[in-house]
Amino acid sequence: MCCFFTALLFVGPRLATMVWYLYTPVYVNGAFDSFFWGFLGWLFLPWTTLMYISIYPGGIVGFDWMLLGLGIFADMASYFGGYYKRDRFPYGDQIP
Protein backbone atom coordinates (compact mmCIF):
# COMPACT_ATOMS: atom_id res chain seq x y z
CA MET A 1 0.00 0.00 0.00
CA CYS A 2 2.92 2.32 0.64
CA CYS A 3 4.02 2.08 -3.01
CA PHE A 4 0.49 2.99 -4.07
CA PHE A 5 0.56 6.20 -2.01
CA THR A 6 4.02 7.01 -3.34
CA ALA A 7 2.79 6.63 -6.92
CA LEU A 8 -0.12 8.93 -6.12
CA LEU A 9 2.31 11.58 -4.89
CA PHE A 10 3.78 11.75 -8.37
CA VAL A 11 0.31 12.23 -9.87
CA GLY A 12 -0.61 15.03 -7.50
CA PRO A 13 -1.20 15.79 -3.85
CA ARG A 14 -4.93 16.42 -4.25
CA LEU A 15 -5.54 13.01 -5.80
CA ALA A 16 -3.33 11.36 -3.16
CA THR A 17 -5.27 13.05 -0.36
CA MET A 18 -8.60 12.10 -1.93
CA VAL A 19 -7.64 8.43 -2.29
CA TRP A 20 -6.20 8.41 1.23
CA TYR A 21 -9.50 9.84 2.50
CA LEU A 22 -11.52 7.21 0.60
CA TYR A 23 -9.27 4.41 1.87
CA THR A 24 -9.06 5.49 5.56
CA PRO A 25 -11.52 8.30 6.32
CA VAL A 26 -11.12 7.97 10.11
CA TYR A 27 -7.37 8.58 9.82
CA VAL A 28 -7.87 11.76 7.78
CA ASN A 29 -10.83 13.02 9.83
CA GLY A 30 -8.75 12.70 13.01
CA ALA A 31 -6.34 15.33 11.72
CA PHE A 32 -8.97 18.06 11.34
CA ASP A 33 -11.68 19.37 13.64
CA SER A 34 -14.14 19.88 10.81
CA PHE A 35 -14.55 19.03 7.16
CA PHE A 36 -14.25 22.74 6.33
CA TRP A 37 -10.57 23.03 7.36
CA GLY A 38 -9.63 19.82 5.61
CA PHE A 39 -11.37 20.95 2.42
CA LEU A 40 -9.69 24.38 2.48
CA GLY A 41 -6.32 22.71 2.97
CA TRP A 42 -7.03 20.29 0.12
CA LEU A 43 -8.07 23.15 -2.14
CA PHE A 44 -5.40 25.79 -1.43
CA LEU A 45 -2.44 24.03 0.27
CA PRO A 46 -2.46 20.42 -0.97
CA TRP A 47 1.17 19.50 -0.16
CA THR A 48 0.94 20.96 3.34
CA THR A 49 -2.36 19.17 3.97
CA LEU A 50 -0.94 15.86 2.80
CA MET A 51 2.13 16.30 5.00
CA TYR A 52 -0.03 17.32 7.98
CA ILE A 53 -2.24 14.26 7.61
CA SER A 54 0.79 11.98 7.44
CA ILE A 55 2.51 13.34 10.57
CA TYR A 56 -0.54 14.17 12.71
CA PRO A 57 -1.26 10.84 14.48
CA GLY A 58 1.93 10.91 16.57
CA GLY A 59 1.60 14.59 17.29
CA ILE A 60 3.64 17.36 15.73
CA VAL A 61 6.87 17.55 17.70
CA GLY A 62 10.54 18.01 16.88
CA PHE A 63 11.51 17.12 13.33
CA ASP A 64 7.84 17.03 12.28
CA TRP A 65 7.90 20.83 12.11
CA MET A 66 10.63 20.57 9.46
CA LEU A 67 8.50 18.15 7.45
CA LEU A 68 5.53 20.47 7.71
CA GLY A 69 7.75 23.33 6.55
CA LEU A 70 8.76 21.19 3.57
CA GLY A 71 5.08 20.86 2.68
CA ILE A 72 4.63 24.63 2.90
CA PHE A 73 7.73 25.12 0.72
CA ALA A 74 6.35 22.68 -1.88
CA ASP A 75 3.07 24.61 -2.00
CA MET A 76 4.81 27.95 -2.37
CA ALA A 77 7.11 26.54 -5.06
CA SER A 78 4.14 25.19 -7.01
CA TYR A 79 2.33 28.53 -6.83
CA PHE A 80 5.23 30.94 -7.35
CA GLY A 81 7.87 28.81 -9.09
CA GLY A 82 6.99 29.90 -12.61
CA TYR A 83 6.90 33.59 -11.78
CA TYR A 84 10.69 33.88 -11.86
CA LYS A 85 11.02 32.57 -15.44
CA ARG A 86 8.01 34.38 -16.90
CA ASP A 87 10.11 36.68 -19.14
CA ARG A 88 11.71 33.79 -21.01
CA PHE A 89 8.51 32.93 -22.89
CA PRO A 90 6.86 35.27 -25.39
CA TYR A 91 3.21 36.14 -24.96
CA GLY A 92 0.65 37.59 -27.31
CA ASP A 93 2.06 40.09 -29.80
CA GLN A 94 5.66 39.35 -28.81
CA ILE A 95 5.64 36.08 -30.77
CA PRO A 96 7.79 36.51 -33.94
PDB file of N, CA and C in Angstrom:
ATOM      1  N   MET A   1       0.820  -1.191   0.000  1.00  0.00           N
ATOM      2  CA  MET A   1       0.000   0.000   0.000  1.00  0.00           C
ATOM      3  C   MET A   1       0.864   1.255   0.000  1.00  0.00           C
ATOM      4  N   CYS A   2       2.031   1.168   0.591  1.00  0.00           N
ATOM      5  CA  CYS A   2       2.916   2.320   0.644  1.00  0.00           C
ATOM      6  C   CYS A   2       3.362   2.726  -0.762  1.00  0.00           C
ATOM      7  N   CYS A   3       3.619   1.766  -1.628  1.00  0.00           N
ATOM      8  CA  CYS A   3       4.022   2.081  -3.009  1.00  0.00           C
ATOM      9  C   CYS A   3       2.872   2.741  -3.763  1.00  0.00           C
ATOM     10  N   PHE A   4       1.648   2.374  -3.434  1.00  0.00           N
ATOM     11  CA  PHE A   4       0.495   2.990  -4.069  1.00  0.00           C
ATOM     12  C   PHE A   4       0.398   4.467  -3.710  1.00  0.00           C
ATOM     13  N   PHE A   5       0.584   4.798  -2.429  1.00  0.00           N
ATOM     14  CA  PHE A   5       0.561   6.202  -2.014  1.00  0.00           C
ATOM     15  C   PHE A   5       1.730   6.976  -2.608  1.00  0.00           C
ATOM     16  N   THR A   6       2.874   6.347  -2.730  1.00  0.00           N
ATOM     17  CA  THR A   6       4.025   7.009  -3.339  1.00  0.00           C
ATOM     18  C   THR A   6       3.756   7.305  -4.809  1.00  0.00           C
ATOM     19  N   ALA A   7       3.145   6.389  -5.516  1.00  0.00           N
ATOM     20  CA  ALA A   7       2.788   6.628  -6.918  1.00  0.00           C
ATOM     21  C   ALA A   7       1.774   7.760  -7.041  1.00  0.00           C
ATOM     22  N   LEU A   8       0.856   7.846  -6.096  1.00  0.00           N
ATOM     23  CA  LEU A   8      -0.122   8.933  -6.116  1.00  0.00           C
ATOM     24  C   LEU A   8       0.534  10.287  -5.886  1.00  0.00           C
ATOM     25  N   LEU A   9       1.605  10.318  -5.117  1.00  0.00           N
ATOM     26  CA  LEU A   9       2.311  11.580  -4.888  1.00  0.00           C
ATOM     27  C   LEU A   9       2.867  12.146  -6.178  1.00  0.00           C
ATOM     28  N   PHE A  10       3.269  11.271  -7.098  1.00  0.00           N
ATOM     29  CA  PHE A  10       3.779  11.746  -8.370  1.00  0.00           C
ATOM     30  C   PHE A  10       2.661  12.246  -9.272  1.00  0.00           C
ATOM     31  N   VAL A  11       1.454  11.751  -9.087  1.00  0.00           N
ATOM     32  CA  VAL A  11       0.308  12.228  -9.867  1.00  0.00           C
ATOM     33  C   VAL A  11      -0.144  13.581  -9.359  1.00  0.00           C
ATOM     34  N   GLY A  12      -0.199  13.753  -8.062  1.00  0.00           N
ATOM     35  CA  GLY A  12      -0.608  15.028  -7.497  1.00  0.00           C
ATOM     36  C   GLY A  12      -1.075  14.873  -6.067  1.00  0.00           C
ATOM     37  N   PRO A  13      -0.852  15.891  -5.260  1.00  0.00           N
ATOM     38  CA  PRO A  13      -1.202  15.787  -3.846  1.00  0.00           C
ATOM     39  C   PRO A  13      -2.710  15.768  -3.606  1.00  0.00           C
ATOM     40  N   ARG A  14      -3.477  16.421  -4.458  1.00  0.00           N
ATOM     41  CA  ARG A  14      -4.934  16.416  -4.250  1.00  0.00           C
ATOM     42  C   ARG A  14      -5.517  15.032  -4.483  1.00  0.00           C
ATOM     43  N   LEU A  15      -5.059  14.363  -5.524  1.00  0.00           N
ATOM     44  CA  LEU A  15      -5.537  13.010  -5.796  1.00  0.00           C
ATOM     45  C   LEU A  15      -5.074  12.055  -4.702  1.00  0.00           C
ATOM     46  N   ALA A  16      -3.842  12.219  -4.234  1.00  0.00           N
ATOM     47  CA  ALA A  16      -3.335  11.358  -3.160  1.00  0.00           C
ATOM     48  C   ALA A  16      -4.148  11.546  -1.881  1.00  0.00           C
ATOM     49  N   THR A  17      -4.470  12.791  -1.551  1.00  0.00           N
ATOM     50  CA  THR A  17      -5.271  13.053  -0.360  1.00  0.00           C
ATOM     51  C   THR A  17      -6.675  12.488  -0.508  1.00  0.00           C
ATOM     52  N   MET A  18      -7.254  12.605  -1.700  1.00  0.00           N
ATOM     53  CA  MET A  18      -8.604  12.097  -1.927  1.00  0.00           C
ATOM     54  C   MET A  18      -8.649  10.571  -1.805  1.00  0.00           C
ATOM     55  N   VAL A  19      -7.668   9.895  -2.387  1.00  0.00           N
ATOM     56  CA  VAL A  19      -7.636   8.435  -2.294  1.00  0.00           C
ATOM     57  C   VAL A  19      -7.360   8.003  -0.858  1.00  0.00           C
ATOM     58  N   TRP A  20      -6.475   8.728  -0.166  1.00  0.00           N
ATOM     59  CA  TRP A  20      -6.204   8.413   1.230  1.00  0.00           C
ATOM     60  C   TRP A  20      -7.465   8.578   2.067  1.00  0.00           C
ATOM     61  N   TYR A  21      -8.249   9.618   1.768  1.00  0.00           N
ATOM     62  CA  TYR A  21      -9.501   9.837   2.497  1.00  0.00           C
ATOM     63  C   TYR A  21     -10.514   8.726   2.198  1.00  0.00           C
ATOM     64  N   LEU A  22     -10.585   8.287   0.945  1.00  0.00           N
ATOM     65  CA  LEU A  22     -11.520   7.210   0.597  1.00  0.00           C
ATOM     66  C   LEU A  22     -11.083   5.879   1.199  1.00  0.00           C
ATOM     67  N   TYR A  23      -9.778   5.674   1.333  1.00  0.00           N
ATOM     68  CA  TYR A  23      -9.269   4.415   1.871  1.00  0.00           C
ATOM     69  C   TYR A  23      -9.377   4.360   3.399  1.00  0.00           C
ATOM     70  N   THR A  24      -8.998   5.451   4.089  1.00  0.00           N
ATOM     71  CA  THR A  24      -9.059   5.492   5.561  1.00  0.00           C
ATOM     72  C   THR A  24      -9.623   6.837   6.013  1.00  0.00           C
ATOM     73  N   PRO A  25     -10.939   7.008   5.949  1.00  0.00           N
ATOM     74  CA  PRO A  25     -11.519   8.304   6.322  1.00  0.00           C
ATOM     75  C   PRO A  25     -11.341   8.657   7.796  1.00  0.00           C
ATOM     76  N   VAL A  26     -11.286   7.682   8.682  1.00  0.00           N
ATOM     77  CA  VAL A  26     -11.120   7.966  10.105  1.00  0.00           C
ATOM     78  C   VAL A  26      -9.747   8.576  10.363  1.00  0.00           C
ATOM     79  N   TYR A  27      -8.737   8.086   9.670  1.00  0.00           N
ATOM     80  CA  TYR A  27      -7.370   8.582   9.822  1.00  0.00           C
ATOM     81  C   TYR A  27      -7.275  10.044   9.403  1.00  0.00           C
ATOM     82  N   VAL A  28      -7.913  10.382   8.289  1.00  0.00           N
ATOM     83  CA  VAL A  28      -7.868  11.758   7.783  1.00  0.00           C
ATOM     84  C   VAL A  28      -8.753  12.669   8.624  1.00  0.00           C
ATOM     85  N   ASN A  29      -9.928  12.203   9.018  1.00  0.00           N
ATOM     86  CA  ASN A  29     -10.826  13.022   9.831  1.00  0.00           C
ATOM     87  C   ASN A  29     -10.245  13.309  11.208  1.00  0.00           C
ATOM     88  N   GLY A  30      -9.380  12.464  11.709  1.00  0.00           N
ATOM     89  CA  GLY A  30      -8.753  12.695  13.005  1.00  0.00           C
ATOM     90  C   GLY A  30      -7.805  13.873  12.989  1.00  0.00           C
ATOM     91  N   ALA A  31      -7.306  14.233  11.812  1.00  0.00           N
ATOM     92  CA  ALA A  31      -6.343  15.331  11.717  1.00  0.00           C
ATOM     93  C   ALA A  31      -7.014  16.699  11.750  1.00  0.00           C
ATOM     94  N   PHE A  32      -8.280  16.765  11.413  1.00  0.00           N
ATOM     95  CA  PHE A  32      -8.969  18.055  11.338  1.00  0.00           C
ATOM     96  C   PHE A  32     -10.198  18.059  12.231  1.00  0.00           C
ATOM     97  N   ASP A  33     -10.506  19.243  12.789  1.00  0.00           N
ATOM     98  CA  ASP A  33     -11.682  19.368  13.645  1.00  0.00           C
ATOM     99  C   ASP A  33     -12.974  19.326  12.853  1.00  0.00           C
ATOM    100  N   SER A  34     -12.942  19.870  11.634  1.00  0.00           N
ATOM    101  CA  SER A  34     -14.140  19.879  10.813  1.00  0.00           C
ATOM    102  C   SER A  34     -13.766  19.623   9.362  1.00  0.00           C
ATOM    103  N   PHE A  35     -14.762  19.274   8.583  1.00  0.00           N
ATOM    104  CA  PHE A  35     -14.548  19.031   7.157  1.00  0.00           C
ATOM    105  C   PHE A  35     -14.102  20.308   6.455  1.00  0.00           C
ATOM    106  N   PHE A  36     -14.552  21.447   6.940  1.00  0.00           N
ATOM    107  CA  PHE A  36     -14.252  22.744   6.330  1.00  0.00           C
ATOM    108  C   PHE A  36     -12.752  22.995   6.243  1.00  0.00           C
ATOM    109  N   TRP A  37     -12.012  22.772   7.345  1.00  0.00           N
ATOM    110  CA  TRP A  37     -10.572  23.029   7.357  1.00  0.00           C
ATOM    111  C   TRP A  37      -9.827  22.048   6.468  1.00  0.00           C
ATOM    112  N   GLY A  38     -10.255  20.808   6.481  1.00  0.00           N
ATOM    113  CA  GLY A  38      -9.632  19.821   5.607  1.00  0.00           C
ATOM    114  C   GLY A  38      -9.857  20.138   4.140  1.00  0.00           C
ATOM    115  N   PHE A  39     -11.060  20.598   3.810  1.00  0.00           N
ATOM    116  CA  PHE A  39     -11.367  20.947   2.422  1.00  0.00           C
ATOM    117  C   PHE A  39     -10.584  22.180   1.971  1.00  0.00           C
ATOM    118  N   LEU A  40     -10.479  23.194   2.837  1.00  0.00           N
ATOM    119  CA  LEU A  40      -9.692  24.379   2.478  1.00  0.00           C
ATOM    120  C   LEU A  40      -8.217  24.025   2.286  1.00  0.00           C
ATOM    121  N   GLY A  41      -7.697  23.160   3.129  1.00  0.00           N
ATOM    122  CA  GLY A  41      -6.324  22.712   2.965  1.00  0.00           C
ATOM    123  C   GLY A  41      -6.143  21.933   1.674  1.00  0.00           C
ATOM    124  N   TRP A  42      -7.082  21.073   1.358  1.00  0.00           N
ATOM    125  CA  TRP A  42      -7.029  20.294   0.119  1.00  0.00           C
ATOM    126  C   TRP A  42      -7.093  21.197  -1.099  1.00  0.00           C
ATOM    127  N   LEU A  43      -7.866  22.267  -1.011  1.00  0.00           N
ATOM    128  CA  LEU A  43      -8.068  23.155  -2.143  1.00  0.00           C
ATOM    129  C   LEU A  43      -6.898  24.110  -2.350  1.00  0.00           C
ATOM    130  N   PHE A  44      -6.398  24.733  -1.290  1.00  0.00           N
ATOM    131  CA  PHE A  44      -5.399  25.790  -1.426  1.00  0.00           C
ATOM    132  C   PHE A  44      -3.963  25.362  -1.093  1.00  0.00           C
ATOM    133  N   LEU A  45      -3.776  24.463  -0.140  1.00  0.00           N
ATOM    134  CA  LEU A  45      -2.440  24.029   0.271  1.00  0.00           C
ATOM    135  C   LEU A  45      -2.363  22.496   0.264  1.00  0.00           C
ATOM    136  N   PRO A  46      -2.370  21.886  -0.915  1.00  0.00           N
ATOM    137  CA  PRO A  46      -2.465  20.420  -0.966  1.00  0.00           C
ATOM    138  C   PRO A  46      -1.240  19.691  -0.417  1.00  0.00           C
ATOM    139  N   TRP A  47      -0.018  20.177  -0.681  1.00  0.00           N
ATOM    140  CA  TRP A  47       1.173  19.495  -0.163  1.00  0.00           C
ATOM    141  C   TRP A  47       1.244  19.612   1.358  1.00  0.00           C
ATOM    142  N   THR A  48       0.910  20.775   1.886  1.00  0.00           N
ATOM    143  CA  THR A  48       0.937  20.964   3.337  1.00  0.00           C
ATOM    144  C   THR A  48      -0.117  20.092   4.012  1.00  0.00           C
ATOM    145  N   THR A  49      -1.291  20.001   3.415  1.00  0.00           N
ATOM    146  CA  THR A  49      -2.361  19.174   3.974  1.00  0.00           C
ATOM    147  C   THR A  49      -1.964  17.708   3.970  1.00  0.00           C
ATOM    148  N   LEU A  50      -1.380  17.254   2.875  1.00  0.00           N
ATOM    149  CA  LEU A  50      -0.944  15.861   2.795  1.00  0.00           C
ATOM    150  C   LEU A  50       0.135  15.561   3.832  1.00  0.00           C
ATOM    151  N   MET A  51       1.067  16.486   3.998  1.00  0.00           N
ATOM    152  CA  MET A  51       2.125  16.298   5.001  1.00  0.00           C
ATOM    153  C   MET A  51       1.536  16.327   6.410  1.00  0.00           C
ATOM    154  N   TYR A  52       0.592  17.217   6.662  1.00  0.00           N
ATOM    155  CA  TYR A  52      -0.032  17.324   7.983  1.00  0.00           C
ATOM    156  C   TYR A  52      -0.786  16.042   8.333  1.00  0.00           C
ATOM    157  N   ILE A  53      -1.498  15.494   7.367  1.00  0.00           N
ATOM    158  CA  ILE A  53      -2.240  14.256   7.608  1.00  0.00           C
ATOM    159  C   ILE A  53      -1.280  13.117   7.915  1.00  0.00           C
ATOM    160  N   SER A  54      -0.144  13.086   7.236  1.00  0.00           N
ATOM    161  CA  SER A  54       0.788  11.975   7.437  1.00  0.00           C
ATOM    162  C   SER A  54       1.522  12.049   8.771  1.00  0.00           C
ATOM    163  N   ILE A  55       1.764  13.244   9.314  1.00  0.00           N
ATOM    164  CA  ILE A  55       2.510  13.338  10.569  1.00  0.00           C
ATOM    165  C   ILE A  55       1.620  13.580  11.787  1.00  0.00           C
ATOM    166  N   TYR A  56       0.340  13.805  11.606  1.00  0.00           N
ATOM    167  CA  TYR A  56      -0.541  14.175  12.712  1.00  0.00           C
ATOM    168  C   TYR A  56      -0.726  13.087  13.773  1.00  0.00           C
ATOM    169  N   PRO A  57      -0.899  11.820  13.433  1.00  0.00           N
ATOM    170  CA  PRO A  57      -1.255  10.840  14.476  1.00  0.00           C
ATOM    171  C   PRO A  57      -0.294  10.765  15.651  1.00  0.00           C
ATOM    172  N   GLY A  58       0.985  10.953  15.456  1.00  0.00           N
ATOM    173  CA  GLY A  58       1.930  10.908  16.567  1.00  0.00           C
ATOM    174  C   GLY A  58       2.099  12.238  17.256  1.00  0.00           C
ATOM    175  N   GLY A  59       1.420  13.246  16.755  1.00  0.00           N
ATOM    176  CA  GLY A  59       1.599  14.590  17.286  1.00  0.00           C
ATOM    177  C   GLY A  59       2.719  15.295  16.539  1.00  0.00           C
ATOM    178  N   ILE A  60       2.641  16.592  16.469  1.00  0.00           N
ATOM    179  CA  ILE A  60       3.638  17.361  15.725  1.00  0.00           C
ATOM    180  C   ILE A  60       4.673  17.880  16.721  1.00  0.00           C
ATOM    181  N   VAL A  61       5.787  17.181  16.790  1.00  0.00           N
ATOM    182  CA  VAL A  61       6.869  17.554  17.699  1.00  0.00           C
ATOM    183  C   VAL A  61       8.202  17.381  16.984  1.00  0.00           C
ATOM    184  N   GLY A  62       9.176  18.168  17.372  1.00  0.00           N
ATOM    185  CA  GLY A  62      10.538  18.006  16.884  1.00  0.00           C
ATOM    186  C   GLY A  62      10.688  18.156  15.380  1.00  0.00           C
ATOM    187  N   PHE A  63      11.213  17.115  14.755  1.00  0.00           N
ATOM    188  CA  PHE A  63      11.514  17.122  13.328  1.00  0.00           C
ATOM    189  C   PHE A  63      10.248  17.232  12.473  1.00  0.00           C
ATOM    190  N   ASP A  64       9.093  16.935  13.036  1.00  0.00           N
ATOM    191  CA  ASP A  64       7.838  17.032  12.284  1.00  0.00           C
ATOM    192  C   ASP A  64       7.583  18.454  11.792  1.00  0.00           C
ATOM    193  N   TRP A  65       8.064  19.443  12.548  1.00  0.00           N
ATOM    194  CA  TRP A  65       7.900  20.832  12.105  1.00  0.00           C
ATOM    195  C   TRP A  65       8.686  21.086  10.823  1.00  0.00           C
ATOM    196  N   MET A  66       9.838  20.439  10.682  1.00  0.00           N
ATOM    197  CA  MET A  66      10.627  20.565   9.457  1.00  0.00           C
ATOM    198  C   MET A  66       9.892  19.937   8.277  1.00  0.00           C
ATOM    199  N   LEU A  67       9.268  18.797   8.512  1.00  0.00           N
ATOM    200  CA  LEU A  67       8.505  18.145   7.451  1.00  0.00           C
ATOM    201  C   LEU A  67       7.301  18.988   7.034  1.00  0.00           C
ATOM    202  N   LEU A  68       6.656  19.594   8.014  1.00  0.00           N
ATOM    203  CA  LEU A  68       5.530  20.469   7.706  1.00  0.00           C
ATOM    204  C   LEU A  68       6.002  21.701   6.935  1.00  0.00           C
ATOM    205  N   GLY A  69       7.165  22.229   7.295  1.00  0.00           N
ATOM    206  CA  GLY A  69       7.747  23.335   6.547  1.00  0.00           C
ATOM    207  C   GLY A  69       8.086  22.936   5.124  1.00  0.00           C
ATOM    208  N   LEU A  70       8.498  21.687   4.918  1.00  0.00           N
ATOM    209  CA  LEU A  70       8.764  21.193   3.568  1.00  0.00           C
ATOM    210  C   LEU A  70       7.481  21.168   2.742  1.00  0.00           C
ATOM    211  N   GLY A  71       6.369  20.818   3.373  1.00  0.00           N
ATOM    212  CA  GLY A  71       5.082  20.858   2.678  1.00  0.00           C
ATOM    213  C   GLY A  71       4.691  22.278   2.294  1.00  0.00           C
ATOM    214  N   ILE A  72       4.932  23.224   3.195  1.00  0.00           N
ATOM    215  CA  ILE A  72       4.634  24.626   2.897  1.00  0.00           C
ATOM    216  C   ILE A  72       5.533  25.119   1.762  1.00  0.00           C
ATOM    217  N   PHE A  73       6.813  24.731   1.796  1.00  0.00           N
ATOM    218  CA  PHE A  73       7.730  25.118   0.724  1.00  0.00           C
ATOM    219  C   PHE A  73       7.290  24.543  -0.616  1.00  0.00           C
ATOM    220  N   ALA A  74       6.820  23.292  -0.629  1.00  0.00           N
ATOM    221  CA  ALA A  74       6.350  22.680  -1.876  1.00  0.00           C
ATOM    222  C   ALA A  74       5.128  23.411  -2.423  1.00  0.00           C
ATOM    223  N   ASP A  75       4.228  23.841  -1.541  1.00  0.00           N
ATOM    224  CA  ASP A  75       3.072  24.611  -2.001  1.00  0.00           C
ATOM    225  C   ASP A  75       3.482  25.961  -2.576  1.00  0.00           C
ATOM    226  N   MET A  76       4.367  26.645  -1.876  1.00  0.00           N
ATOM    227  CA  MET A  76       4.810  27.953  -2.369  1.00  0.00           C
ATOM    228  C   MET A  76       5.583  27.808  -3.685  1.00  0.00           C
ATOM    229  N   ALA A  77       6.373  26.767  -3.815  1.00  0.00           N
ATOM    230  CA  ALA A  77       7.109  26.541  -5.065  1.00  0.00           C
ATOM    231  C   ALA A  77       6.164  26.226  -6.206  1.00  0.00           C
ATOM    232  N   SER A  78       5.085  25.509  -5.933  1.00  0.00           N
ATOM    233  CA  SER A  78       4.140  25.194  -7.006  1.00  0.00           C
ATOM    234  C   SER A  78       3.331  26.421  -7.422  1.00  0.00           C
ATOM    235  N   TYR A  79       3.078  27.331  -6.488  1.00  0.00           N
ATOM    236  CA  TYR A  79       2.330  28.534  -6.835  1.00  0.00           C
ATOM    237  C   TYR A  79       3.202  29.612  -7.461  1.00  0.00           C
ATOM    238  N   PHE A  80       4.398  29.821  -6.924  1.00  0.00           N
ATOM    239  CA  PHE A  80       5.231  30.943  -7.353  1.00  0.00           C
ATOM    240  C   PHE A  80       6.471  30.547  -8.137  1.00  0.00           C
ATOM    241  N   GLY A  81       6.667  29.272  -8.412  1.00  0.00           N
ATOM    242  CA  GLY A  81       7.866  28.814  -9.093  1.00  0.00           C
ATOM    243  C   GLY A  81       8.002  29.314 -10.514  1.00  0.00           C
ATOM    244  N   GLY A  82       6.916  29.447 -11.236  1.00  0.00           N
ATOM    245  CA  GLY A  82       6.985  29.901 -12.613  1.00  0.00           C
ATOM    246  C   GLY A  82       7.076  31.402 -12.762  1.00  0.00           C
ATOM    247  N   TYR A  83       6.883  32.136 -11.708  1.00  0.00           N
ATOM    248  CA  TYR A  83       6.900  33.593 -11.777  1.00  0.00           C
ATOM    249  C   TYR A  83       8.294  34.122 -12.103  1.00  0.00           C
ATOM    250  N   TYR A  84       9.307  33.435 -11.652  1.00  0.00           N
ATOM    251  CA  TYR A  84      10.687  33.881 -11.856  1.00  0.00           C
ATOM    252  C   TYR A  84      11.084  33.802 -13.332  1.00  0.00           C
ATOM    253  N   LYS A  85      10.627  32.795 -14.047  1.00  0.00           N
ATOM    254  CA  LYS A  85      11.023  32.573 -15.440  1.00  0.00           C
ATOM    255  C   LYS A  85       9.988  33.090 -16.435  1.00  0.00           C
ATOM    256  N   ARG A  86       9.100  33.947 -16.035  1.00  0.00           N
ATOM    257  CA  ARG A  86       8.008  34.378 -16.902  1.00  0.00           C
ATOM    258  C   ARG A  86       8.480  35.180 -18.109  1.00  0.00           C
ATOM    259  N   ASP A  87       9.636  35.859 -18.040  1.00  0.00           N
ATOM    260  CA  ASP A  87      10.114  36.684 -19.142  1.00  0.00           C
ATOM    261  C   ASP A  87      10.789  35.869 -20.246  1.00  0.00           C
ATOM    262  N   ARG A  88      11.046  34.611 -20.015  1.00  0.00           N
ATOM    263  CA  ARG A  88      11.714  33.787 -21.013  1.00  0.00           C
ATOM    264  C   ARG A  88      10.778  33.349 -22.129  1.00  0.00           C
ATOM    265  N   PHE A  89       9.473  33.403 -21.907  1.00  0.00           N
ATOM    266  CA  PHE A  89       8.514  32.933 -22.890  1.00  0.00           C
ATOM    267  C   PHE A  89       7.737  34.106 -23.464  1.00  0.00           C
ATOM    268  N   PRO A  90       7.616  34.177 -24.796  1.00  0.00           N
ATOM    269  CA  PRO A  90       6.862  35.267 -25.395  1.00  0.00           C
ATOM    270  C   PRO A  90       5.357  35.078 -25.236  1.00  0.00           C
ATOM    271  N   TYR A  91       4.669  36.181 -25.097  1.00  0.00           N
ATOM    272  CA  TYR A  91       3.208  36.137 -24.962  1.00  0.00           C
ATOM    273  C   TYR A  91       2.589  37.100 -25.977  1.00  0.00           C
ATOM    274  N   GLY A  92       1.462  36.703 -26.479  1.00  0.00           N
ATOM    275  CA  GLY A  92       0.651  37.595 -27.314  1.00  0.00           C
ATOM    276  C   GLY A  92       1.381  38.138 -28.526  1.00  0.00           C
ATOM    277  N   ASP A  93       1.484  39.466 -28.631  1.00  0.00           N
ATOM    278  CA  ASP A  93       2.056  40.093 -29.804  1.00  0.00           C
ATOM    279  C   ASP A  93       3.578  40.033 -29.838  1.00  0.00           C
ATOM    280  N   GLN A  94       4.203  39.462 -28.837  1.00  0.00           N
ATOM    281  CA  GLN A  94       5.660  39.350 -28.808  1.00  0.00           C
ATOM    282  C   GLN A  94       6.164  38.119 -29.567  1.00  0.00           C
ATOM    283  N   ILE A  95       5.253  37.271 -30.020  1.00  0.00           N
ATOM    284  CA  ILE A  95       5.645  36.078 -30.768  1.00  0.00           C
ATOM    285  C   ILE A  95       6.091  36.495 -32.154  1.00  0.00           C
ATOM    286  N   PRO A  96       7.299  36.079 -32.609  1.00  0.00           N
ATOM    287  CA  PRO A  96       7.786  36.507 -33.938  1.00  0.00           C
ATOM    288  C   PRO A  96       7.003  35.925 -35.080  1.00  0.00           C
TER     289      PRO A  96
END
